[in-house]
Each structure stands twice: as structure tokens, then as C-alpha cells.
Amino acid sequence: MNESLHRRLIQFSLSLYIVATWSSMAGMEIFGWLTFALSMSYAFRRPIEAPAQLKDFSSALPWRAMIAIYAITAVGIIINGTMNADYNYALGHPRWMFLVVSGTFALMLAPPTLKGYRFFLFFTTLIGAYAIFQSFTGIDFLRPGSDRAVQKLDVRQEIRLWRSAGLFGSPMGYVYIAGMHACLSLAVALVFPKERRRLRVISLISFCVIVASLITTYVRGAWIAMAIAFLTMAWIASRRWFYWTVGAGTAAFGALFVGLIQFRERLLSLFNPQYASNSDRWLLWQMNIKMWLDYPIFGIGWGENETRAREYLTKMGHPKAFSGHAHNNYLEALSGTGLLGFMAFVFFIGFFIWLTWRLWKRLPRDLYWARSLTLACFGAQIYIHLGGLTECNFKAGATSHNLIIVFSLVASMSVLENKGLLAKKYQTDRSPN
């Protein structure tokens, strides 16, 4: 295969992978690993046309933390896993780090464009509208009759509403994926100049539709995370935009709180210790801390906190309580991989926050598209990591694939910036629209 054809195949596979992250878990796995195979085989050819080689990634990826996460996960499950442990799952879960490497290389070869962004706006806005439709009808065309997908609300209702699930069959899955998408629409509206009024207005409309669909999931932790993430993005962009965002957000919150009883009761349930979702989470958090105390260095084994949950809940005097993962990214890492794995995980996510902020500070102000992507990546990480305080969103395959795109984009842009090629690759189209 010649290099030109090889490169076009990477671009094609990457495009399908990115579209799949908006819509299909199966597509994410298929095209994510196809992109990996094509990108890595291309990289090892050391092509002259490539803007950078794998050796140039040393400052843009936290290699030591990535290797440590994999090694600690493997050691932990081998040492502490029981006979019933799912070793394939435990050893296979950290495979996402390979996709970060291939995604970085592929996005360096085929950076996102404003033309692609316009397709993104159309597609994600359509999905957001579909999610809102689900909330009012309870219909999921992909999973007809499934209460697991579009779920009933467990609060008092004046009009009957459901929890929307988008295309992923889960309110929790949809909310953390679509929330990252909303960050890009907001970033373009915040960063592009007034001369690009049409692009900014369309982006704001898309943002409002997606945010409305996030509200209809009734995921409380995500509501709090998106408010903080969006306000942080506005503050970084400009103080004027921050005050506008505070005003608009306060008005929208007030209208929802007064006018929609489902929103009000769902939000106020945060402060009710007897509410099942709250008490279940609190018990799971206690359980995972006990697991960590029993296995402090390497953890109980990745995934073993779920396998052995009933054992620990019985010891705690709650044999029939709800069991599952930790509903917290950080406790999941702590109980599953111990103190060593937790430290590696925190360093890994902290590295990308730092790398994104450094890139934002270095970018020229007239690189509007590159700055929009960088600000969106920063907001998406804040959103996911804050939401991770009440949900294992990083563990969910669909969410982690979307976050892989965020990490890969930041790393690829950082490599290009280090080599002085970013302005050329991300030069903003000067047309008025």
C-alpha cells in the first residue's frame, strides 16, 4: 500500500470513528481499533509527509502514568483477584490508552475542520432534539418498550415525563457524552469574533438544544458539573461572556425551578438522605473505601469491587442493598487499583488538564478554530471529572471513547504547536459565515 492511500484510509477511518462517538458503541470499537491499526502501521513506516513522528509525542502524552496504570491493574488483579474474577475484562479495560496514542497520531494527520464542525452541529443537534422528544413521549425507536432506555421519573409529576437516553439507551450514558458535545458548541460561540455572527448564532442554538436535552435526562450530578464547566469556559473566554452566562443561566434555572415540578423535586432530592439514589451511593462509597483499606497498595482488583460487592455489603449488614460499581471515578480507581493506581490515574487526568491550559495560553488569539477546540476540550474535561464524583463515567465505554477524542485532540495540537505547525494546520477560514 502506498503512503498516500494509507493516509486517506486513516482519514476515512478516523472520520467514521468520530461520528460513531456521537451515535454507536459498536462503531466506536470497530472504527477506533481500525484507526489504531492503520495509524500505528503508518507511523512505523516513518513517512516523510507526516508532520511529526511517534518520538515527538514525548512531551504531549503522560507515558509513565499510562504504563503505570496498565502495570498496576495487571498486578492487582493477578495478586488479589479471586477465582471468579473477570481477568479478560480487568486486563483489557486499560486498552483505551492505546487509542489515545493512535488518536493523537491520526488527528495530527487529519485535524478537524470547520466544515466537519458544521456537520457535527447538525448531527448532535438532531440527537438532542430526539432526546427531548423521548422525554415527552417515552419512545425510543431503537429499543421499543425498554424501560431501561427511556426511564420513568421517580418524582411527583404534573405532566408525565421520562428520562431521555439519546441514541445510547441510557440517561447516564447520553448525558456525559452530549455534555462534552455542548462544550464545543459553546466554545465556538465564545471564541469566534462578531464578524462570524452566523456561525456563532447557529452554535448557540445547537448549544441550547443540547443543554435542554441534558436537562431531560434528570441526572443531577451532570447538571451540577455542566453548570460549573460552562461557567468556567465563559470565565476563561472573557469576563463579559461570564456575566452573560451567569445571567442567562440564572434565568433558565429560575424558570425551570418554578415552572417544572420534576426538575425542582429531582434537584431538591440531592439533600434527602432517605432518597434511594443518595443512600445507595453513600453505601457503595463506604463499601469501596473498606475494600481499599483491605487492599491498600494494588487494590482489590479492577472490576472485583462489583464481583465481591455482595460479600462486603453482607459484612456491613446490608445483604440486600443495591450493588454495582462505585458510582465515583476516584473511589473506583482507589478500590480497584489501590493507592498506586489511584495516584497514576489522578496524574494522568491532571496532566491533560495542564496540557490543555498550556495550549490555550500559547495559542494566538486569531486562531479562532484552534482556540475553540482547546477551550471545548478544557470544558469537557472539567465536566467529566466533576461528574465523576457521583458516577463512574470514565469506566463507561461510550463515554471513555469520547474522552479519548478529547485527550487525543489536545495531545495532537500540542505536538503541532511544539513543532510550529499548528497555525498552518488550523488556520481559520476567513469567510464571513
Foldseek 3Di string as FASTA:
>chain_A
DDLVVLLVVLVVLVLQLVVCLLFNLVSVVVSLVVLLVSQVVSLVVVDPPQPDHLVLLPQLAPVVLLVLLLVLQLVQCVVQNDPPDPNCCSNPLSCLVSSLSSLLRSCLSPPDDVVVVVVLLVVLLVLLVVQVVCFQPVQDPVDGPDCQQFPFAPDDFPHGTTAGRRNPSHLVQLLLSLLLVLLLLLLLLLQDDCLLVVSNVSSVVSSVSSVVSNLSNLPQLLVVLSLVLSLVLQVVSDVVSNVVSVVVVVVVVVCCCVPGVSSVVSNVCVPPCPPLLNVLLVVLLVLLVVLCVVVAAQANHQPVCQVCVLVSCVVVVRNPGDGDANQAQLSNQCRHGHPSSSVSVVVRLVSLLVLLVVLLVPDDSQLRSLNSLSSSLNSSSSSVNSSRGRGNQCSDSSSVSSNSSSSSSSSSLSSCVVSVNNCVSRPHDPDSD
